[in-house]
Amino acid sequence: MSEDGTATTSVPTASHGGSDPGQGPGAAPTQAPTQAPNRAGTAADVIGAASTPGASRAGTATDAAQAARDLRVLVGRLRRRLREVDDVHELTASQLAVLGRLDRDGPASASDLAKAEHVRPQSMAATIAVLDERGLIARRPDPDDGRRQLIELTAQADEAVSGSRRARDEWLERAMRERFSEEERATVVAALQILERLSE
């Protein structure tokens, strides 16, 4: 009853976890329907985090560094394996590279070879001296510039390089046929087209 004598009616208020006012005594409380977790929102959060510029740059740098290490190790192992297949006069990798370049591109000067192989002129001079001593190269004047000398393969070197290339190609072809599926070989071919840019 209010202060002026008017009767008031008390309306029950539903408390958290209490019963519905419309239910009778002893009735089980009605629970609110459980909502499914917002999986779309969760996925969006993940995508958003992954697409953060800083995180993307960090991830890309990490992936590139790991790929660089793996590729360097793989190239070294493959080079050693190929040298085991055919050891041409016990030549070093740099000496074999010069012979291979002369075989592919024809006669060249020492300075041109140094630029092509990305080595110092002094290093190329030492390599050429060994090849000359073993009778694998010959020197002749440059017809366009008498001050320069061109370096070319001898018949002995031509035969050795051809035989070496043939042995290595046969080993690689056999290994890829035996160890790779057709799909894997296609993947290797596609990767080679991309990796070719590293040698430019």
N, C-alpha and C. Protein backbone atom coordinates (compact mmCIF):
# COMPACT_ATOMS: atom_id res chain seq x y z
N MET A 1 0.86 -1.18 0.00
CA MET A 1 0.00 0.00 0.00
C MET A 1 0.90 1.24 0.00
N SER A 2 0.52 2.20 -0.85
CA SER A 2 1.31 3.42 -0.94
C SER A 2 1.00 4.33 0.23
N GLU A 3 1.76 5.41 0.32
CA GLU A 3 1.59 6.34 1.42
C GLU A 3 0.21 7.00 1.43
N ASP A 4 -0.49 7.13 0.24
CA ASP A 4 -1.81 7.77 0.21
C ASP A 4 -2.94 6.78 0.42
N GLY A 5 -2.56 5.47 0.71
CA GLY A 5 -3.59 4.47 1.01
C GLY A 5 -4.03 3.68 -0.17
N THR A 6 -3.51 3.96 -1.36
CA THR A 6 -3.91 3.21 -2.55
C THR A 6 -3.15 1.90 -2.58
N ALA A 7 -3.90 0.83 -2.86
CA ALA A 7 -3.28 -0.50 -2.89
C ALA A 7 -2.43 -0.63 -4.15
N THR A 8 -1.25 -1.23 -3.99
CA THR A 8 -0.37 -1.46 -5.14
C THR A 8 -0.17 -2.94 -5.32
N THR A 9 0.07 -3.33 -6.55
CA THR A 9 0.28 -4.75 -6.89
C THR A 9 1.75 -4.94 -7.24
N SER A 10 2.38 -5.93 -6.62
CA SER A 10 3.78 -6.21 -6.88
C SER A 10 3.89 -7.17 -8.05
N VAL A 11 4.64 -6.78 -9.08
CA VAL A 11 4.84 -7.62 -10.27
C VAL A 11 6.18 -8.32 -10.14
N PRO A 12 6.19 -9.65 -10.19
CA PRO A 12 7.46 -10.39 -10.05
C PRO A 12 8.41 -10.07 -11.21
N THR A 13 9.66 -9.91 -10.88
CA THR A 13 10.69 -9.63 -11.89
C THR A 13 11.53 -10.87 -12.11
N ALA A 14 11.70 -11.25 -13.40
CA ALA A 14 12.48 -12.46 -13.72
C ALA A 14 13.95 -12.17 -13.45
N SER A 15 14.53 -13.01 -12.62
CA SER A 15 15.95 -12.86 -12.34
C SER A 15 16.74 -13.77 -13.27
N HIS A 16 18.05 -13.55 -13.35
CA HIS A 16 18.92 -14.37 -14.22
C HIS A 16 18.89 -15.81 -13.75
N GLY A 17 18.48 -16.67 -14.65
CA GLY A 17 18.43 -18.08 -14.29
C GLY A 17 17.14 -18.43 -13.59
N GLY A 18 16.16 -17.46 -13.36
CA GLY A 18 14.91 -17.77 -12.66
C GLY A 18 13.89 -18.35 -13.58
N SER A 19 12.64 -18.62 -13.04
CA SER A 19 11.57 -19.23 -13.82
C SER A 19 10.80 -18.18 -14.56
N ASP A 20 10.11 -18.58 -15.64
CA ASP A 20 9.27 -17.70 -16.43
C ASP A 20 8.05 -17.34 -15.61
N PRO A 21 7.63 -16.04 -15.53
CA PRO A 21 6.44 -15.68 -14.74
C PRO A 21 5.20 -16.40 -15.19
N GLY A 22 5.11 -16.82 -16.43
CA GLY A 22 3.92 -17.49 -16.91
C GLY A 22 3.86 -18.94 -16.55
N GLN A 23 4.96 -19.49 -16.00
CA GLN A 23 4.99 -20.89 -15.66
C GLN A 23 4.49 -21.09 -14.24
N GLY A 24 3.91 -22.24 -13.99
CA GLY A 24 3.41 -22.56 -12.66
C GLY A 24 4.53 -22.89 -11.72
N PRO A 25 4.17 -23.03 -10.45
CA PRO A 25 5.19 -23.37 -9.46
C PRO A 25 5.82 -24.71 -9.79
N GLY A 26 7.14 -24.78 -9.61
CA GLY A 26 7.86 -26.03 -9.82
C GLY A 26 8.23 -26.29 -11.25
N ALA A 27 7.78 -25.46 -12.18
CA ALA A 27 8.11 -25.69 -13.59
C ALA A 27 9.58 -25.41 -13.84
N ALA A 28 10.17 -26.17 -14.76
CA ALA A 28 11.59 -26.00 -15.07
C ALA A 28 11.82 -24.67 -15.76
N PRO A 29 12.88 -23.97 -15.42
CA PRO A 29 13.15 -22.67 -16.06
C PRO A 29 13.45 -22.84 -17.53
N THR A 30 13.03 -21.87 -18.29
CA THR A 30 13.27 -21.88 -19.74
C THR A 30 14.64 -21.30 -20.03
N GLN A 31 15.45 -22.07 -20.78
CA GLN A 31 16.79 -21.61 -21.12
C GLN A 31 16.79 -20.96 -22.49
N ALA A 32 17.58 -19.92 -22.62
CA ALA A 32 17.69 -19.25 -23.92
C ALA A 32 18.38 -20.18 -24.89
N PRO A 33 17.96 -20.20 -26.16
CA PRO A 33 18.58 -21.10 -27.15
C PRO A 33 20.06 -20.79 -27.30
N THR A 34 20.86 -21.89 -27.37
CA THR A 34 22.32 -21.74 -27.51
C THR A 34 22.66 -21.35 -28.94
N GLN A 35 23.44 -20.31 -29.07
CA GLN A 35 23.84 -19.85 -30.40
C GLN A 35 25.12 -20.55 -30.83
N ALA A 36 25.19 -20.95 -32.13
CA ALA A 36 26.40 -21.59 -32.66
C ALA A 36 27.52 -20.57 -32.71
N PRO A 37 28.74 -21.01 -32.47
CA PRO A 37 29.86 -20.06 -32.52
C PRO A 37 29.98 -19.43 -33.90
N ASN A 38 30.35 -18.20 -33.93
CA ASN A 38 30.47 -17.46 -35.18
C ASN A 38 31.74 -17.87 -35.90
N ARG A 39 31.65 -18.99 -36.65
CA ARG A 39 32.83 -19.50 -37.32
C ARG A 39 33.29 -18.57 -38.44
N ALA A 40 32.34 -17.90 -39.08
CA ALA A 40 32.72 -16.96 -40.13
C ALA A 40 33.59 -15.85 -39.55
N GLY A 41 33.21 -15.37 -38.37
CA GLY A 41 33.99 -14.33 -37.74
C GLY A 41 35.36 -14.84 -37.36
N THR A 42 35.44 -16.07 -36.88
CA THR A 42 36.73 -16.63 -36.51
C THR A 42 37.64 -16.73 -37.73
N ALA A 43 37.10 -17.22 -38.83
CA ALA A 43 37.91 -17.33 -40.05
C ALA A 43 38.37 -15.96 -40.52
N ALA A 44 37.48 -14.96 -40.40
CA ALA A 44 37.84 -13.61 -40.82
C ALA A 44 38.98 -13.07 -39.97
N ASP A 45 38.92 -13.39 -38.67
CA ASP A 45 40.00 -12.94 -37.80
C ASP A 45 41.33 -13.53 -38.22
N VAL A 46 41.31 -14.84 -38.56
CA VAL A 46 42.54 -15.51 -38.98
C VAL A 46 43.07 -14.91 -40.27
N ILE A 47 42.15 -14.70 -41.23
CA ILE A 47 42.56 -14.13 -42.52
C ILE A 47 43.09 -12.72 -42.32
N GLY A 48 42.43 -11.97 -41.47
CA GLY A 48 42.88 -10.60 -41.23
C GLY A 48 44.26 -10.56 -40.62
N ALA A 49 44.50 -11.47 -39.69
CA ALA A 49 45.83 -11.50 -39.06
C ALA A 49 46.89 -11.90 -40.06
N ALA A 50 46.55 -12.86 -40.93
CA ALA A 50 47.53 -13.33 -41.91
C ALA A 50 47.82 -12.29 -42.97
N SER A 51 46.82 -11.39 -43.21
CA SER A 51 47.01 -10.40 -44.26
C SER A 51 47.57 -9.09 -43.74
N THR A 52 47.94 -9.06 -42.48
CA THR A 52 48.55 -7.86 -41.95
C THR A 52 49.86 -7.59 -42.67
N PRO A 53 50.08 -6.37 -43.18
CA PRO A 53 51.28 -6.12 -43.98
C PRO A 53 52.56 -6.54 -43.30
N GLY A 54 52.72 -6.19 -42.04
CA GLY A 54 53.95 -6.56 -41.34
C GLY A 54 54.14 -8.04 -41.25
N ALA A 55 53.05 -8.76 -40.90
CA ALA A 55 53.14 -10.22 -40.79
C ALA A 55 53.42 -10.85 -42.13
N SER A 56 52.82 -10.27 -43.20
CA SER A 56 53.03 -10.84 -44.53
C SER A 56 54.48 -10.68 -44.96
N ARG A 57 55.05 -9.48 -44.72
CA ARG A 57 56.44 -9.25 -45.11
C ARG A 57 57.38 -10.15 -44.32
N ALA A 58 57.09 -10.31 -43.02
CA ALA A 58 57.95 -11.15 -42.20
C ALA A 58 57.89 -12.60 -42.66
N GLY A 59 56.66 -13.07 -42.97
CA GLY A 59 56.51 -14.44 -43.43
C GLY A 59 57.20 -14.67 -44.75
N THR A 60 57.07 -13.70 -45.67
CA THR A 60 57.71 -13.84 -46.98
C THR A 60 59.22 -13.87 -46.85
N ALA A 61 59.76 -13.00 -45.99
CA ALA A 61 61.21 -12.97 -45.80
C ALA A 61 61.71 -14.28 -45.22
N THR A 62 60.95 -14.82 -44.26
CA THR A 62 61.34 -16.09 -43.65
C THR A 62 61.30 -17.22 -44.67
N ASP A 63 60.25 -17.27 -45.47
CA ASP A 63 60.13 -18.31 -46.49
C ASP A 63 61.26 -18.21 -47.51
N ALA A 64 61.60 -17.00 -47.93
CA ALA A 64 62.66 -16.81 -48.92
C ALA A 64 64.01 -17.22 -48.35
N ALA A 65 64.26 -16.90 -47.08
CA ALA A 65 65.53 -17.27 -46.46
C ALA A 65 65.67 -18.78 -46.36
N GLN A 66 64.59 -19.45 -45.97
CA GLN A 66 64.63 -20.91 -45.86
C GLN A 66 64.80 -21.55 -47.24
N ALA A 67 64.08 -21.02 -48.23
CA ALA A 67 64.20 -21.56 -49.58
C ALA A 67 65.62 -21.36 -50.12
N ALA A 68 66.23 -20.22 -49.80
CA ALA A 68 67.60 -19.97 -50.26
C ALA A 68 68.57 -20.97 -49.66
N ARG A 69 68.41 -21.25 -48.37
CA ARG A 69 69.31 -22.23 -47.73
C ARG A 69 69.10 -23.62 -48.32
N ASP A 70 67.84 -24.01 -48.48
CA ASP A 70 67.55 -25.34 -49.02
C ASP A 70 68.08 -25.49 -50.44
N LEU A 71 67.91 -24.44 -51.24
CA LEU A 71 68.35 -24.51 -52.64
C LEU A 71 69.87 -24.59 -52.71
N ARG A 72 70.56 -23.81 -51.88
CA ARG A 72 72.02 -23.84 -51.88
C ARG A 72 72.55 -25.22 -51.50
N VAL A 73 71.94 -25.83 -50.48
CA VAL A 73 72.37 -27.16 -50.06
C VAL A 73 72.10 -28.19 -51.16
N LEU A 74 70.92 -28.08 -51.78
CA LEU A 74 70.56 -29.03 -52.84
C LEU A 74 71.48 -28.92 -54.04
N VAL A 75 71.78 -27.70 -54.46
CA VAL A 75 72.66 -27.51 -55.62
C VAL A 75 74.04 -28.08 -55.33
N GLY A 76 74.54 -27.86 -54.11
CA GLY A 76 75.85 -28.40 -53.75
C GLY A 76 75.87 -29.92 -53.77
N ARG A 77 74.82 -30.52 -53.23
CA ARG A 77 74.76 -31.99 -53.22
C ARG A 77 74.64 -32.54 -54.63
N LEU A 78 73.84 -31.89 -55.46
CA LEU A 78 73.66 -32.37 -56.83
C LEU A 78 74.95 -32.20 -57.64
N ARG A 79 75.66 -31.11 -57.40
CA ARG A 79 76.94 -30.90 -58.09
C ARG A 79 77.94 -31.98 -57.73
N ARG A 80 78.02 -32.30 -56.45
CA ARG A 80 78.95 -33.36 -56.02
C ARG A 80 78.56 -34.70 -56.63
N ARG A 81 77.25 -34.95 -56.69
CA ARG A 81 76.79 -36.23 -57.27
C ARG A 81 77.14 -36.32 -58.74
N LEU A 82 76.99 -35.24 -59.47
CA LEU A 82 77.30 -35.24 -60.89
C LEU A 82 78.80 -35.41 -61.13
N ARG A 83 79.60 -34.85 -60.24
CA ARG A 83 81.04 -35.02 -60.38
C ARG A 83 81.44 -36.47 -60.12
N GLU A 84 80.69 -37.16 -59.27
CA GLU A 84 80.97 -38.57 -59.04
C GLU A 84 80.62 -39.41 -60.27
N VAL A 85 79.62 -38.96 -61.03
CA VAL A 85 79.20 -39.70 -62.22
C VAL A 85 80.30 -39.68 -63.27
N ASP A 86 80.91 -38.52 -63.45
CA ASP A 86 81.95 -38.42 -64.48
C ASP A 86 82.99 -37.41 -64.03
N ASP A 87 84.15 -37.89 -63.68
CA ASP A 87 85.24 -37.04 -63.23
C ASP A 87 86.18 -36.79 -64.40
N VAL A 88 86.07 -35.62 -65.02
CA VAL A 88 86.86 -35.30 -66.20
C VAL A 88 88.21 -34.75 -65.79
N HIS A 89 89.23 -35.57 -65.92
CA HIS A 89 90.60 -35.14 -65.64
C HIS A 89 90.74 -34.53 -64.25
N GLU A 90 89.85 -34.88 -63.34
CA GLU A 90 89.89 -34.36 -61.97
C GLU A 90 89.89 -32.83 -61.96
N LEU A 91 89.09 -32.24 -62.81
CA LEU A 91 89.01 -30.79 -62.88
C LEU A 91 88.10 -30.25 -61.79
N THR A 92 88.32 -29.00 -61.40
CA THR A 92 87.47 -28.36 -60.40
C THR A 92 86.18 -27.88 -61.07
N ALA A 93 85.25 -27.47 -60.24
CA ALA A 93 83.97 -26.99 -60.77
C ALA A 93 84.16 -25.74 -61.63
N SER A 94 85.04 -24.83 -61.22
CA SER A 94 85.27 -23.61 -62.00
C SER A 94 85.92 -23.93 -63.35
N GLN A 95 86.82 -24.89 -63.36
CA GLN A 95 87.46 -25.27 -64.62
C GLN A 95 86.47 -25.94 -65.57
N LEU A 96 85.62 -26.79 -65.03
CA LEU A 96 84.59 -27.41 -65.85
C LEU A 96 83.60 -26.38 -66.38
N ALA A 97 83.32 -25.36 -65.56
CA ALA A 97 82.39 -24.32 -66.00
C ALA A 97 82.94 -23.55 -67.19
N VAL A 98 84.24 -23.27 -67.19
CA VAL A 98 84.86 -22.56 -68.32
C VAL A 98 84.83 -23.42 -69.57
N LEU A 99 85.15 -24.70 -69.43
CA LEU A 99 85.09 -25.60 -70.59
C LEU A 99 83.66 -25.67 -71.15
N GLY A 100 82.71 -25.76 -70.26
CA GLY A 100 81.32 -25.83 -70.70
C GLY A 100 80.88 -24.57 -71.42
N ARG A 101 81.31 -23.41 -70.91
CA ARG A 101 80.92 -22.15 -71.55
C ARG A 101 81.58 -22.01 -72.93
N LEU A 102 82.85 -22.39 -73.03
CA LEU A 102 83.52 -22.34 -74.34
C LEU A 102 82.85 -23.29 -75.33
N ASP A 103 82.38 -24.42 -74.82
CA ASP A 103 81.71 -25.38 -75.69
C ASP A 103 80.37 -24.83 -76.17
N ARG A 104 79.65 -24.13 -75.30
CA ARG A 104 78.34 -23.60 -75.67
C ARG A 104 78.43 -22.33 -76.52
N ASP A 105 79.32 -21.40 -76.09
CA ASP A 105 79.33 -20.07 -76.70
C ASP A 105 80.44 -19.85 -77.71
N GLY A 106 81.38 -20.76 -77.76
CA GLY A 106 82.49 -20.60 -78.70
C GLY A 106 83.64 -19.82 -78.09
N PRO A 107 84.67 -19.50 -78.90
CA PRO A 107 85.86 -18.82 -78.39
C PRO A 107 85.51 -17.50 -77.70
N ALA A 108 86.31 -17.16 -76.67
CA ALA A 108 86.09 -15.93 -75.92
C ALA A 108 87.41 -15.49 -75.31
N SER A 109 87.48 -14.22 -74.98
CA SER A 109 88.68 -13.70 -74.32
C SER A 109 88.61 -14.02 -72.83
N ALA A 110 89.74 -13.87 -72.15
CA ALA A 110 89.78 -14.15 -70.72
C ALA A 110 88.89 -13.18 -69.95
N SER A 111 88.88 -11.92 -70.37
CA SER A 111 88.03 -10.94 -69.67
C SER A 111 86.55 -11.25 -69.87
N ASP A 112 86.19 -11.68 -71.08
CA ASP A 112 84.78 -12.04 -71.33
C ASP A 112 84.38 -13.26 -70.48
N LEU A 113 85.27 -14.22 -70.35
CA LEU A 113 84.99 -15.40 -69.53
C LEU A 113 84.83 -15.02 -68.05
N ALA A 114 85.68 -14.10 -67.60
CA ALA A 114 85.59 -13.67 -66.20
C ALA A 114 84.25 -13.00 -65.93
N LYS A 115 83.80 -12.15 -66.84
CA LYS A 115 82.51 -11.50 -66.66
C LYS A 115 81.36 -12.51 -66.70
N ALA A 116 81.44 -13.44 -67.64
CA ALA A 116 80.37 -14.42 -67.78
C ALA A 116 80.27 -15.33 -66.56
N GLU A 117 81.41 -15.66 -65.95
CA GLU A 117 81.42 -16.55 -64.80
C GLU A 117 81.38 -15.80 -63.47
N HIS A 118 81.33 -14.47 -63.54
CA HIS A 118 81.23 -13.63 -62.32
C HIS A 118 82.40 -13.88 -61.37
N VAL A 119 83.60 -13.89 -61.92
CA VAL A 119 84.81 -14.06 -61.09
C VAL A 119 85.79 -12.94 -61.42
N ARG A 120 86.79 -12.75 -60.59
CA ARG A 120 87.81 -11.75 -60.83
C ARG A 120 88.71 -12.18 -61.98
N PRO A 121 89.28 -11.22 -62.72
CA PRO A 121 90.19 -11.57 -63.82
C PRO A 121 91.37 -12.42 -63.36
N GLN A 122 91.85 -12.17 -62.14
CA GLN A 122 92.97 -12.96 -61.63
C GLN A 122 92.58 -14.42 -61.45
N SER A 123 91.38 -14.64 -60.95
CA SER A 123 90.90 -16.02 -60.76
C SER A 123 90.73 -16.72 -62.09
N MET A 124 90.20 -16.01 -63.09
CA MET A 124 90.02 -16.61 -64.41
C MET A 124 91.38 -16.91 -65.04
N ALA A 125 92.35 -16.05 -64.83
CA ALA A 125 93.68 -16.29 -65.38
C ALA A 125 94.28 -17.58 -64.81
N ALA A 126 94.06 -17.82 -63.51
CA ALA A 126 94.58 -19.04 -62.89
C ALA A 126 93.87 -20.27 -63.46
N THR A 127 92.56 -20.16 -63.67
CA THR A 127 91.80 -21.28 -64.23
C THR A 127 92.27 -21.60 -65.65
N ILE A 128 92.45 -20.56 -66.45
CA ILE A 128 92.88 -20.76 -67.83
C ILE A 128 94.28 -21.37 -67.89
N ALA A 129 95.14 -20.99 -66.95
CA ALA A 129 96.50 -21.52 -66.95
C ALA A 129 96.49 -23.03 -66.74
N VAL A 130 95.63 -23.52 -65.84
CA VAL A 130 95.54 -24.97 -65.60
C VAL A 130 95.02 -25.69 -66.84
N LEU A 131 93.98 -25.13 -67.45
CA LEU A 131 93.40 -25.76 -68.64
C LEU A 131 94.41 -25.77 -69.79
N ASP A 132 95.18 -24.71 -69.89
CA ASP A 132 96.20 -24.64 -70.94
C ASP A 132 97.29 -25.69 -70.68
N GLU A 133 97.69 -25.84 -69.45
CA GLU A 133 98.73 -26.81 -69.10
C GLU A 133 98.29 -28.24 -69.42
N ARG A 134 97.00 -28.50 -69.29
CA ARG A 134 96.49 -29.85 -69.56
C ARG A 134 96.09 -30.05 -71.02
N GLY A 135 96.35 -29.08 -71.83
CA GLY A 135 96.08 -29.24 -73.25
C GLY A 135 94.61 -29.18 -73.61
N LEU A 136 93.79 -28.53 -72.78
CA LEU A 136 92.35 -28.50 -73.02
C LEU A 136 91.89 -27.23 -73.72
N ILE A 137 92.76 -26.21 -73.79
CA ILE A 137 92.40 -24.98 -74.49
C ILE A 137 93.57 -24.56 -75.36
N ALA A 138 93.27 -23.72 -76.33
CA ALA A 138 94.30 -23.14 -77.20
C ALA A 138 94.02 -21.64 -77.31
N ARG A 139 95.06 -20.89 -77.61
CA ARG A 139 94.93 -19.43 -77.74
C ARG A 139 95.23 -19.03 -79.18
N ARG A 140 94.51 -18.02 -79.65
CA ARG A 140 94.76 -17.47 -80.98
C ARG A 140 94.41 -15.99 -80.98
N PRO A 141 95.00 -15.21 -81.84
CA PRO A 141 94.71 -13.77 -81.86
C PRO A 141 93.26 -13.50 -82.24
N ASP A 142 92.71 -12.45 -81.64
CA ASP A 142 91.36 -12.01 -81.99
C ASP A 142 91.42 -11.31 -83.34
N PRO A 143 90.70 -11.78 -84.35
CA PRO A 143 90.77 -11.14 -85.68
C PRO A 143 90.26 -9.70 -85.67
N ASP A 144 89.43 -9.35 -84.70
CA ASP A 144 88.89 -8.00 -84.63
C ASP A 144 89.74 -7.07 -83.78
N ASP A 145 90.62 -7.65 -82.95
CA ASP A 145 91.46 -6.84 -82.08
C ASP A 145 92.76 -7.61 -81.83
N GLY A 146 93.81 -7.21 -82.54
CA GLY A 146 95.07 -7.92 -82.45
C GLY A 146 95.69 -7.89 -81.07
N ARG A 147 95.24 -6.98 -80.21
CA ARG A 147 95.81 -6.90 -78.86
C ARG A 147 95.24 -7.97 -77.92
N ARG A 148 94.16 -8.59 -78.36
CA ARG A 148 93.52 -9.59 -77.50
C ARG A 148 93.76 -10.99 -78.04
N GLN A 149 93.60 -11.95 -77.14
CA GLN A 149 93.67 -13.35 -77.53
C GLN A 149 92.34 -14.02 -77.21
N LEU A 150 91.92 -14.89 -78.11
CA LEU A 150 90.71 -15.68 -77.90
C LEU A 150 91.10 -17.08 -77.43
N ILE A 151 90.30 -17.60 -76.56
CA ILE A 151 90.54 -18.93 -76.00
C ILE A 151 89.49 -19.87 -76.56
N GLU A 152 89.90 -21.02 -77.03
CA GLU A 152 88.99 -21.99 -77.60
C GLU A 152 89.37 -23.39 -77.14
N LEU A 153 88.45 -24.32 -77.29
CA LEU A 153 88.69 -25.70 -76.87
C LEU A 153 89.56 -26.43 -77.88
N THR A 154 90.41 -27.31 -77.39
CA THR A 154 91.16 -28.21 -78.26
C THR A 154 90.28 -29.42 -78.58
N ALA A 155 90.73 -30.23 -79.51
CA ALA A 155 89.99 -31.45 -79.86
C ALA A 155 89.87 -32.37 -78.65
N GLN A 156 90.91 -32.42 -77.85
CA GLN A 156 90.88 -33.25 -76.65
C GLN A 156 89.82 -32.76 -75.67
N ALA A 157 89.73 -31.45 -75.50
CA ALA A 157 88.74 -30.90 -74.58
C ALA A 157 87.33 -31.09 -75.13
N ASP A 158 87.19 -30.93 -76.43
CA ASP A 158 85.87 -31.08 -77.04
C ASP A 158 85.33 -32.48 -76.81
N GLU A 159 86.19 -33.46 -76.97
CA GLU A 159 85.78 -34.86 -76.74
C GLU A 159 85.47 -35.10 -75.26
N ALA A 160 86.30 -34.54 -74.37
CA ALA A 160 86.09 -34.74 -72.94
C ALA A 160 84.80 -34.08 -72.47
N VAL A 161 84.53 -32.87 -72.94
CA VAL A 161 83.32 -32.15 -72.54
C VAL A 161 82.08 -32.86 -73.04
N SER A 162 82.12 -33.32 -74.29
CA SER A 162 80.97 -34.02 -74.86
C SER A 162 80.68 -35.31 -74.08
N GLY A 163 81.74 -36.06 -73.77
CA GLY A 163 81.55 -37.29 -73.02
C GLY A 163 81.05 -37.03 -71.61
N SER A 164 81.56 -35.98 -70.99
CA SER A 164 81.12 -35.64 -69.64
C SER A 164 79.66 -35.24 -69.63
N ARG A 165 79.26 -34.41 -70.57
CA ARG A 165 77.87 -33.97 -70.63
C ARG A 165 76.94 -35.16 -70.90
N ARG A 166 77.36 -36.02 -71.77
CA ARG A 166 76.53 -37.18 -72.09
C ARG A 166 76.34 -38.08 -70.88
N ALA A 167 77.40 -38.31 -70.11
CA ALA A 167 77.31 -39.16 -68.91
C ALA A 167 76.39 -38.55 -67.86
N ARG A 168 76.52 -37.25 -67.66
CA ARG A 168 75.69 -36.59 -66.65
C ARG A 168 74.23 -36.53 -67.07
N ASP A 169 74.00 -36.26 -68.36
CA ASP A 169 72.61 -36.23 -68.84
C ASP A 169 71.95 -37.60 -68.70
N GLU A 170 72.68 -38.63 -69.02
CA GLU A 170 72.11 -39.97 -68.93
C GLU A 170 71.79 -40.33 -67.48
N TRP A 171 72.66 -39.94 -66.55
CA TRP A 171 72.40 -40.23 -65.14
C TRP A 171 71.18 -39.47 -64.64
N LEU A 172 71.09 -38.19 -64.99
CA LEU A 172 69.95 -37.39 -64.55
C LEU A 172 68.64 -37.91 -65.13
N GLU A 173 68.67 -38.25 -66.40
CA GLU A 173 67.45 -38.76 -67.05
C GLU A 173 67.00 -40.06 -66.39
N ARG A 174 67.94 -40.95 -66.15
CA ARG A 174 67.59 -42.22 -65.52
C ARG A 174 67.06 -42.02 -64.10
N ALA A 175 67.71 -41.13 -63.35
CA ALA A 175 67.28 -40.88 -61.98
C ALA A 175 65.89 -40.28 -61.94
N MET A 176 65.58 -39.36 -62.84
CA MET A 176 64.26 -38.72 -62.84
C MET A 176 63.17 -39.70 -63.27
N ARG A 177 63.49 -40.59 -64.18
CA ARG A 177 62.50 -41.58 -64.61
C ARG A 177 62.21 -42.59 -63.50
N GLU A 178 63.25 -42.97 -62.75
CA GLU A 178 63.10 -44.00 -61.73
C GLU A 178 62.51 -43.46 -60.43
N ARG A 179 62.81 -42.20 -60.10
CA ARG A 179 62.45 -41.67 -58.78
C ARG A 179 61.27 -40.71 -58.80
N PHE A 180 60.95 -40.15 -59.96
CA PHE A 180 59.87 -39.16 -60.04
C PHE A 180 58.70 -39.71 -60.83
N SER A 181 57.51 -39.32 -60.42
CA SER A 181 56.32 -39.62 -61.21
C SER A 181 56.24 -38.62 -62.37
N GLU A 182 55.29 -38.86 -63.27
CA GLU A 182 55.14 -37.94 -64.40
C GLU A 182 54.77 -36.54 -63.91
N GLU A 183 53.91 -36.47 -62.90
CA GLU A 183 53.51 -35.17 -62.36
C GLU A 183 54.70 -34.47 -61.70
N GLU A 184 55.54 -35.22 -61.00
CA GLU A 184 56.70 -34.62 -60.36
C GLU A 184 57.70 -34.10 -61.39
N ARG A 185 57.86 -34.84 -62.48
CA ARG A 185 58.77 -34.36 -63.53
C ARG A 185 58.25 -33.06 -64.14
N ALA A 186 56.94 -32.97 -64.29
CA ALA A 186 56.36 -31.72 -64.81
C ALA A 186 56.60 -30.57 -63.83
N THR A 187 56.54 -30.86 -62.54
CA THR A 187 56.81 -29.83 -61.53
C THR A 187 58.26 -29.36 -61.61
N VAL A 188 59.18 -30.29 -61.83
CA VAL A 188 60.59 -29.94 -61.94
C VAL A 188 60.81 -29.03 -63.16
N VAL A 189 60.18 -29.36 -64.27
CA VAL A 189 60.33 -28.55 -65.48
C VAL A 189 59.81 -27.13 -65.24
N ALA A 190 58.66 -27.02 -64.57
CA ALA A 190 58.11 -25.69 -64.27
C ALA A 190 59.02 -24.91 -63.33
N ALA A 191 59.58 -25.60 -62.33
CA ALA A 191 60.48 -24.92 -61.39
C ALA A 191 61.75 -24.45 -62.07
N LEU A 192 62.26 -25.22 -63.02
CA LEU A 192 63.48 -24.84 -63.72
C LEU A 192 63.29 -23.53 -64.49
N GLN A 193 62.12 -23.33 -65.05
CA GLN A 193 61.85 -22.09 -65.79
C GLN A 193 61.90 -20.89 -64.86
N ILE A 194 61.48 -21.07 -63.61
CA ILE A 194 61.53 -19.98 -62.63
C ILE A 194 62.95 -19.77 -62.13
N LEU A 195 63.64 -20.87 -61.80
CA LEU A 195 64.99 -20.78 -61.25
C LEU A 195 65.99 -20.24 -62.27
N GLU A 196 65.67 -20.35 -63.55
CA GLU A 196 66.57 -19.84 -64.58
C GLU A 196 66.87 -18.35 -64.36
N ARG A 197 65.91 -17.62 -63.79
CA ARG A 197 66.12 -16.18 -63.57
C ARG A 197 67.21 -15.90 -62.55
N LEU A 198 67.52 -16.87 -61.69
CA LEU A 198 68.57 -16.67 -60.69
C LEU A 198 69.96 -16.58 -61.33
N SER A 199 70.11 -17.20 -62.50
CA SER A 199 71.43 -17.22 -63.16
C SER A 199 71.65 -16.02 -64.07
N GLU A 200 70.65 -15.16 -64.19
CA GLU A 200 70.77 -14.01 -65.09
C GLU A 200 71.57 -12.89 -64.44
